[in-house]
Amino acid sequence: MEIATLAGGCFWCTEAIFKRLKGVTSVIPGYAGGEKPNPTYDEVCSGTTGHAEAIQIEFDPSIISYDKILEVFWHLHDPTTPNQQGNDIGTQYRSEIFYHSAKQNRIAEESKEELEKSKAFNRPIVTQIVPFTNFYKAENYHQNYYDKNKSAPYCQVIVDPKIQKLMKEFKNLYNPKYQSSNNLRTGELKLQDPVDKLLQKH
């Protein structure tokens, strides 16, 4: 097994995406890259600890490669917005790859370079690639948040479209055990619901 640690905005989103990939055995939301040991969610949100909301992915490289993990990472968040993903703004929402080995560092750098050359984005990629230093598991209520709260407005408006994009663009990587359990509910939103309520930060 191999470990990948990635930060790409709200870990409710990234956990839900990566746990649905074939070859991924676990995804843990938490906090990475900061100075304070064992920070709380509120402390991380204050922007004073230096941590990013991140996920730690355990995967079987014989089924899914680190290259493919990064390909999904690039396509399912915006790597061009510093300290922001959509309505989520703050240093904890930065785009960052924490490599665990020289091999992961090389693959990440090459992957980023190829993406920049492809001109897939109109703006420069701001994702940082740094050595892994620490990771602290987030509070229990953050674990498996999407699958426990699919009817929550944030999950319907923000997470569901990302799952749909994953199913469409990475169909060959999608774990079939989630096909029947997705129950995407984006069509159930009420038009009268205030936009700021639906898109409020988690």
C-alpha atoms as a PDB file:
ATOM      1  CA  MET A   1       0.000   0.000   0.000  1.00  0.00           C
ATOM      2  CA  GLU A   2       1.033   3.612  -0.568  1.00  0.00           C
ATOM      3  CA  ILE A   3       0.007   6.886   1.048  1.00  0.00           C
ATOM      4  CA  ALA A   4      -0.849  10.165  -0.703  1.00  0.00           C
ATOM      5  CA  THR A   5      -1.577  13.404   1.161  1.00  0.00           C
ATOM      6  CA  LEU A   6      -3.388  16.131  -0.765  1.00  0.00           C
ATOM      7  CA  ALA A   7      -5.069  19.456  -0.027  1.00  0.00           C
ATOM      8  CA  GLY A   8      -7.612  20.741  -2.517  1.00  0.00           C
ATOM      9  CA  GLY A   9     -10.179  22.743  -0.591  1.00  0.00           C
ATOM     10  CA  CYS A  10     -12.954  21.404   1.617  1.00  0.00           C
ATOM     11  CA  PHE A  11     -12.107  17.915   2.813  1.00  0.00           C
ATOM     12  CA  TRP A  12     -15.786  16.963   2.739  1.00  0.00           C
ATOM     13  CA  CYS A  13     -15.446  17.198  -1.057  1.00  0.00           C
ATOM     14  CA  THR A  14     -12.067  15.574  -1.505  1.00  0.00           C
ATOM     15  CA  GLU A  15     -12.828  12.668   0.830  1.00  0.00           C
ATOM     16  CA  ALA A  16     -16.058  11.889  -1.045  1.00  0.00           C
ATOM     17  CA  ILE A  17     -14.257  11.944  -4.401  1.00  0.00           C
ATOM     18  CA  PHE A  18     -11.198   9.865  -3.632  1.00  0.00           C
ATOM     19  CA  LYS A  19     -12.931   7.170  -1.585  1.00  0.00           C
ATOM     20  CA  ARG A  20     -14.876   6.339  -4.762  1.00  0.00           C
ATOM     21  CA  LEU A  21     -11.793   5.371  -6.767  1.00  0.00           C
ATOM     22  CA  LYS A  22     -10.866   1.765  -7.469  1.00  0.00           C
ATOM     23  CA  GLY A  23      -7.799   0.762  -5.497  1.00  0.00           C
ATOM     24  CA  VAL A  24      -8.321   3.303  -2.716  1.00  0.00           C
ATOM     25  CA  THR A  25      -8.645   1.511   0.612  1.00  0.00           C
ATOM     26  CA  SER A  26      -9.162   4.484   2.939  1.00  0.00           C
ATOM     27  CA  VAL A  27      -9.439   8.272   2.923  1.00  0.00           C
ATOM     28  CA  ILE A  28      -9.020  10.266   6.133  1.00  0.00           C
ATOM     29  CA  PRO A  29      -9.859  13.980   6.347  1.00  0.00           C
ATOM     30  CA  GLY A  30      -7.489  15.999   8.502  1.00  0.00           C
ATOM     31  CA  TYR A  31      -5.060  18.869   8.793  1.00  0.00           C
ATOM     32  CA  ALA A  32      -1.596  18.967   7.192  1.00  0.00           C
ATOM     33  CA  GLY A  33       1.372  21.251   6.847  1.00  0.00           C
ATOM     34  CA  GLY A  34       0.929  23.420   9.925  1.00  0.00           C
ATOM     35  CA  GLU A  35       2.883  24.181  13.057  1.00  0.00           C
ATOM     36  CA  LYS A  36       0.490  23.448  15.941  1.00  0.00           C
ATOM     37  CA  PRO A  37       0.225  19.813  17.045  1.00  0.00           C
ATOM     38  CA  ASN A  38      -3.275  18.321  17.061  1.00  0.00           C
ATOM     39  CA  PRO A  39      -5.166  21.444  16.002  1.00  0.00           C
ATOM     40  CA  THR A  40      -8.934  21.700  16.266  1.00  0.00           C
ATOM     41  CA  TYR A  41     -11.172  22.570  13.339  1.00  0.00           C
ATOM     42  CA  ASP A  42     -11.856  26.027  14.775  1.00  0.00           C
ATOM     43  CA  GLU A  43      -8.145  26.678  15.211  1.00  0.00           C
ATOM     44  CA  VAL A  44      -7.428  25.675  11.616  1.00  0.00           C
ATOM     45  CA  CYS A  45     -10.279  27.889  10.376  1.00  0.00           C
ATOM     46  CA  SER A  46      -8.781  30.836  12.230  1.00  0.00           C
ATOM     47  CA  GLY A  47      -5.823  30.709   9.843  1.00  0.00           C
ATOM     48  CA  THR A  48      -3.304  30.856  12.697  1.00  0.00           C
ATOM     49  CA  THR A  49      -2.022  27.269  12.712  1.00  0.00           C
ATOM     50  CA  GLY A  50      -0.733  27.080   9.131  1.00  0.00           C
ATOM     51  CA  HIS A  51      -2.601  23.858   8.353  1.00  0.00           C
ATOM     52  CA  ALA A  52      -4.508  23.027   5.207  1.00  0.00           C
ATOM     53  CA  GLU A  53      -7.653  20.934   5.130  1.00  0.00           C
ATOM     54  CA  ALA A  54      -6.261  17.755   3.609  1.00  0.00           C
ATOM     55  CA  ILE A  55      -6.919  14.085   3.063  1.00  0.00           C
ATOM     56  CA  GLN A  56      -4.636  11.132   3.563  1.00  0.00           C
ATOM     57  CA  ILE A  57      -5.287   8.445   0.967  1.00  0.00           C
ATOM     58  CA  GLU A  58      -4.212   4.838   1.304  1.00  0.00           C
ATOM     59  CA  PHE A  59      -4.185   3.121  -2.074  1.00  0.00           C
ATOM     60  CA  ASP A  60      -2.981   0.006  -3.846  1.00  0.00           C
ATOM     61  CA  PRO A  61      -0.521   1.117  -6.562  1.00  0.00           C
ATOM     62  CA  SER A  62      -1.095  -2.136  -8.437  1.00  0.00           C
ATOM     63  CA  ILE A  63      -4.692  -0.982  -9.039  1.00  0.00           C
ATOM     64  CA  ILE A  64      -4.385   2.803  -9.198  1.00  0.00           C
ATOM     65  CA  SER A  65      -1.120   4.683  -9.642  1.00  0.00           C
ATOM     66  CA  TYR A  66      -0.018   7.876  -7.928  1.00  0.00           C
ATOM     67  CA  ASP A  67      -0.094   9.494 -11.371  1.00  0.00           C
ATOM     68  CA  LYS A  68      -3.810   8.689 -11.657  1.00  0.00           C
ATOM     69  CA  ILE A  69      -4.467   9.951  -8.136  1.00  0.00           C
ATOM     70  CA  LEU A  70      -2.938  13.276  -9.185  1.00  0.00           C
ATOM     71  CA  GLU A  71      -4.846  13.334 -12.466  1.00  0.00           C
ATOM     72  CA  VAL A  72      -8.105  13.178 -10.530  1.00  0.00           C
ATOM     73  CA  PHE A  73      -6.770  15.781  -8.082  1.00  0.00           C
ATOM     74  CA  TRP A  74      -6.009  18.282 -10.868  1.00  0.00           C
ATOM     75  CA  HIS A  75      -9.373  17.851 -12.561  1.00  0.00           C
ATOM     76  CA  LEU A  76     -11.664  17.984  -9.550  1.00  0.00           C
ATOM     77  CA  HIS A  77     -10.559  21.198  -7.883  1.00  0.00           C
ATOM     78  CA  ASP A  78      -9.292  24.574  -9.087  1.00  0.00           C
ATOM     79  CA  PRO A  79      -5.485  24.707  -8.721  1.00  0.00           C
ATOM     80  CA  THR A  80      -5.339  28.333  -9.897  1.00  0.00           C
ATOM     81  CA  THR A  81      -6.994  30.087  -6.944  1.00  0.00           C
ATOM     82  CA  PRO A  82      -4.658  30.776  -4.023  1.00  0.00           C
ATOM     83  CA  ASN A  83      -6.251  30.015  -0.640  1.00  0.00           C
ATOM     84  CA  GLN A  84      -9.685  29.512  -2.133  1.00  0.00           C
ATOM     85  CA  GLN A  85     -12.027  26.907  -3.590  1.00  0.00           C
ATOM     86  CA  GLY A  86     -15.306  28.462  -4.672  1.00  0.00           C
ATOM     87  CA  ASN A  87     -16.985  30.129  -1.698  1.00  0.00           C
ATOM     88  CA  ASP A  88     -14.498  28.581   0.729  1.00  0.00           C
ATOM     89  CA  ILE A  89     -11.808  31.191   1.344  1.00  0.00           C
ATOM     90  CA  GLY A  90      -8.810  31.005   3.656  1.00  0.00           C
ATOM     91  CA  THR A  91      -5.302  29.562   3.834  1.00  0.00           C
ATOM     92  CA  GLN A  92      -6.757  26.232   4.974  1.00  0.00           C
ATOM     93  CA  TYR A  93      -8.340  25.834   1.522  1.00  0.00           C
ATOM     94  CA  ARG A  94      -5.070  26.132  -0.405  1.00  0.00           C
ATOM     95  CA  SER A  95      -4.038  23.663  -3.099  1.00  0.00           C
ATOM     96  CA  GLU A  96      -1.052  21.606  -1.973  1.00  0.00           C
ATOM     97  CA  ILE A  97       0.594  18.248  -2.590  1.00  0.00           C
ATOM     98  CA  PHE A  98       2.552  16.743   0.308  1.00  0.00           C
ATOM     99  CA  TYR A  99       4.917  14.156  -1.132  1.00  0.00           C
ATOM    100  CA  HIS A 100       6.063  11.137   0.900  1.00  0.00           C
ATOM    101  CA  SER A 101       9.049  10.137  -1.227  1.00  0.00           C
ATOM    102  CA  ALA A 102      11.441  11.360  -3.896  1.00  0.00           C
ATOM    103  CA  LYS A 103       9.414   9.366  -6.413  1.00  0.00           C
ATOM    104  CA  GLN A 104       6.177  11.109  -5.443  1.00  0.00           C
ATOM    105  CA  ASN A 105       7.955  14.466  -5.633  1.00  0.00           C
ATOM    106  CA  ARG A 106       9.175  13.729  -9.171  1.00  0.00           C
ATOM    107  CA  ILE A 107       5.773  12.498 -10.326  1.00  0.00           C
ATOM    108  CA  ALA A 108       4.013  15.528  -8.831  1.00  0.00           C
ATOM    109  CA  GLU A 109       6.423  18.022 -10.396  1.00  0.00           C
ATOM    110  CA  GLU A 110       6.161  16.333 -13.806  1.00  0.00           C
ATOM    111  CA  SER A 111       2.388  16.158 -13.537  1.00  0.00           C
ATOM    112  CA  LYS A 112       2.137  19.855 -12.712  1.00  0.00           C
ATOM    113  CA  GLU A 113       4.502  20.760 -15.554  1.00  0.00           C
ATOM    114  CA  GLU A 114       2.481  18.732 -18.054  1.00  0.00           C
ATOM    115  CA  LEU A 115      -0.722  20.399 -16.880  1.00  0.00           C
ATOM    116  CA  GLU A 116       0.815  23.849 -17.284  1.00  0.00           C
ATOM    117  CA  LYS A 117       1.976  22.989 -20.805  1.00  0.00           C
ATOM    118  CA  SER A 118      -1.488  21.726 -21.721  1.00  0.00           C
ATOM    119  CA  LYS A 119      -2.984  25.191 -21.084  1.00  0.00           C
ATOM    120  CA  ALA A 120      -5.976  23.490 -19.453  1.00  0.00           C
ATOM    121  CA  PHE A 121      -6.362  26.555 -17.236  1.00  0.00           C
ATOM    122  CA  ASN A 122      -6.321  30.213 -18.234  1.00  0.00           C
ATOM    123  CA  ARG A 123      -4.479  31.206 -15.076  1.00  0.00           C
ATOM    124  CA  PRO A 124      -1.204  30.012 -13.529  1.00  0.00           C
ATOM    125  CA  ILE A 125      -1.309  26.925 -11.328  1.00  0.00           C
ATOM    126  CA  VAL A 126      -0.580  27.911  -7.731  1.00  0.00           C
ATOM    127  CA  THR A 127      -0.482  24.424  -6.197  1.00  0.00           C
ATOM    128  CA  GLN A 128       2.492  23.989  -3.888  1.00  0.00           C
ATOM    129  CA  ILE A 129       4.456  20.717  -3.889  1.00  0.00           C
ATOM    130  CA  VAL A 130       6.148  20.239  -0.524  1.00  0.00           C
ATOM    131  CA  PRO A 131       7.575  17.408   1.590  1.00  0.00           C
ATOM    132  CA  PHE A 132       5.146  15.753   3.995  1.00  0.00           C
ATOM    133  CA  THR A 133       5.736  16.804   7.601  1.00  0.00           C
ATOM    134  CA  ASN A 134       2.585  16.080   9.582  1.00  0.00           C
ATOM    135  CA  PHE A 135      -1.052  15.072   9.400  1.00  0.00           C
ATOM    136  CA  TYR A 136      -3.668  15.193  12.128  1.00  0.00           C
ATOM    137  CA  LYS A 137      -6.971  13.382  11.739  1.00  0.00           C
ATOM    138  CA  ALA A 138      -9.966  15.716  11.853  1.00  0.00           C
ATOM    139  CA  GLU A 139     -12.763  15.419  14.376  1.00  0.00           C
ATOM    140  CA  ASN A 140     -15.122  12.440  14.057  1.00  0.00           C
ATOM    141  CA  TYR A 141     -18.003  14.498  12.660  1.00  0.00           C
ATOM    142  CA  HIS A 142     -15.866  15.321   9.602  1.00  0.00           C
ATOM    143  CA  GLN A 143     -15.240  11.659   8.791  1.00  0.00           C
ATOM    144  CA  ASN A 144     -17.455  10.314   5.972  1.00  0.00           C
ATOM    145  CA  TYR A 145     -19.337  13.594   6.107  1.00  0.00           C
ATOM    146  CA  TYR A 146     -20.785  13.475   2.598  1.00  0.00           C
ATOM    147  CA  ASP A 147     -22.100   9.926   2.830  1.00  0.00           C
ATOM    148  CA  LYS A 148     -23.729  10.700   6.191  1.00  0.00           C
ATOM    149  CA  ASN A 149     -25.214  14.036   5.091  1.00  0.00           C
ATOM    150  CA  LYS A 150     -26.165  13.773   1.413  1.00  0.00           C
ATOM    151  CA  SER A 151     -29.301  15.875   1.916  1.00  0.00           C
ATOM    152  CA  ALA A 152     -27.356  18.805   3.418  1.00  0.00           C
ATOM    153  CA  PRO A 153     -27.393  21.872   1.122  1.00  0.00           C
ATOM    154  CA  TYR A 154     -23.597  22.073   0.967  1.00  0.00           C
ATOM    155  CA  CYS A 155     -23.392  18.440  -0.138  1.00  0.00           C
ATOM    156  CA  GLN A 156     -26.091  18.880  -2.770  1.00  0.00           C
ATOM    157  CA  VAL A 157     -24.735  22.109  -4.254  1.00  0.00           C
ATOM    158  CA  ILE A 158     -20.979  21.636  -3.900  1.00  0.00           C
ATOM    159  CA  VAL A 159     -20.133  17.951  -3.504  1.00  0.00           C
ATOM    160  CA  ASP A 160     -22.727  16.266  -5.736  1.00  0.00           C
ATOM    161  CA  PRO A 161     -21.561  18.026  -8.936  1.00  0.00           C
ATOM    162  CA  LYS A 162     -17.997  16.908  -8.236  1.00  0.00           C
ATOM    163  CA  ILE A 163     -19.137  13.308  -7.831  1.00  0.00           C
ATOM    164  CA  GLN A 164     -21.049  13.584 -11.095  1.00  0.00           C
ATOM    165  CA  LYS A 165     -17.938  14.954 -12.807  1.00  0.00           C
ATOM    166  CA  LEU A 166     -15.893  12.078 -11.410  1.00  0.00           C
ATOM    167  CA  MET A 167     -18.391   9.541 -12.747  1.00  0.00           C
ATOM    168  CA  LYS A 168     -18.372  11.198 -16.161  1.00  0.00           C
ATOM    169  CA  GLU A 169     -14.671  11.959 -16.653  1.00  0.00           C
ATOM    170  CA  PHE A 170     -13.122   9.042 -14.755  1.00  0.00           C
ATOM    171  CA  LYS A 171     -15.668   6.318 -15.356  1.00  0.00           C
ATOM    172  CA  ASN A 172     -12.954   3.671 -15.672  1.00  0.00           C
ATOM    173  CA  LEU A 173     -11.586   4.563 -12.224  1.00  0.00           C
ATOM    174  CA  TYR A 174     -14.945   4.712 -10.454  1.00  0.00           C
ATOM    175  CA  ASN A 175     -15.507   1.979  -7.879  1.00  0.00           C
ATOM    176  CA  PRO A 176     -18.715   0.158  -8.873  1.00  0.00           C
ATOM    177  CA  LYS A 177     -19.682  -0.455  -5.264  1.00  0.00           C
ATOM    178  CA  TYR A 178     -20.688   3.227  -5.085  1.00  0.00           C
ATOM    179  CA  GLN A 179     -22.805   3.196  -8.244  1.00  0.00           C
ATOM    180  CA  SER A 180     -26.072   2.367  -6.503  1.00  0.00           C
ATOM    181  CA  SER A 181     -25.328   4.153  -3.247  1.00  0.00           C
ATOM    182  CA  ASN A 182     -24.654   7.611  -4.665  1.00  0.00           C
ATOM    183  CA  ASN A 183     -28.271   8.765  -4.712  1.00  0.00           C
ATOM    184  CA  LEU A 184     -27.256  12.214  -5.974  1.00  0.00           C
ATOM    185  CA  ARG A 185     -29.867  14.729  -4.917  1.00  0.00           C
ATOM    186  CA  THR A 186     -29.053  17.917  -6.809  1.00  0.00           C
ATOM    187  CA  GLY A 187     -32.480  17.929  -8.446  1.00  0.00           C
ATOM    188  CA  GLU A 188     -34.189  18.198  -5.070  1.00  0.00           C
ATOM    189  CA  LEU A 189     -33.010  21.719  -4.240  1.00  0.00           C
ATOM    190  CA  LYS A 190     -35.790  24.218  -3.780  1.00  0.00           C
ATOM    191  CA  LEU A 191     -35.489  27.261  -5.990  1.00  0.00           C
ATOM    192  CA  GLN A 192     -36.529  29.549  -3.159  1.00  0.00           C
ATOM    193  CA  ASP A 193     -33.587  28.502  -0.995  1.00  0.00           C
ATOM    194  CA  PRO A 194     -31.260  31.525  -0.641  1.00  0.00           C
ATOM    195  CA  VAL A 195     -28.037  31.099  -2.604  1.00  0.00           C
ATOM    196  CA  ASP A 196     -25.921  32.319   0.290  1.00  0.00           C
ATOM    197  CA  LYS A 197     -27.489  29.660   2.511  1.00  0.00           C
ATOM    198  CA  LEU A 198     -26.854  26.865   0.020  1.00  0.00           C
ATOM    199  CA  LEU A 199     -23.286  27.938  -0.641  1.00  0.00           C
ATOM    200  CA  GLN A 200     -22.330  28.893   2.880  1.00  0.00           C
ATOM    201  CA  LYS A 201     -18.929  27.734   4.043  1.00  0.00           C
ATOM    202  CA  HIS A 202     -18.947  24.361   5.750  1.00  0.00           C
END
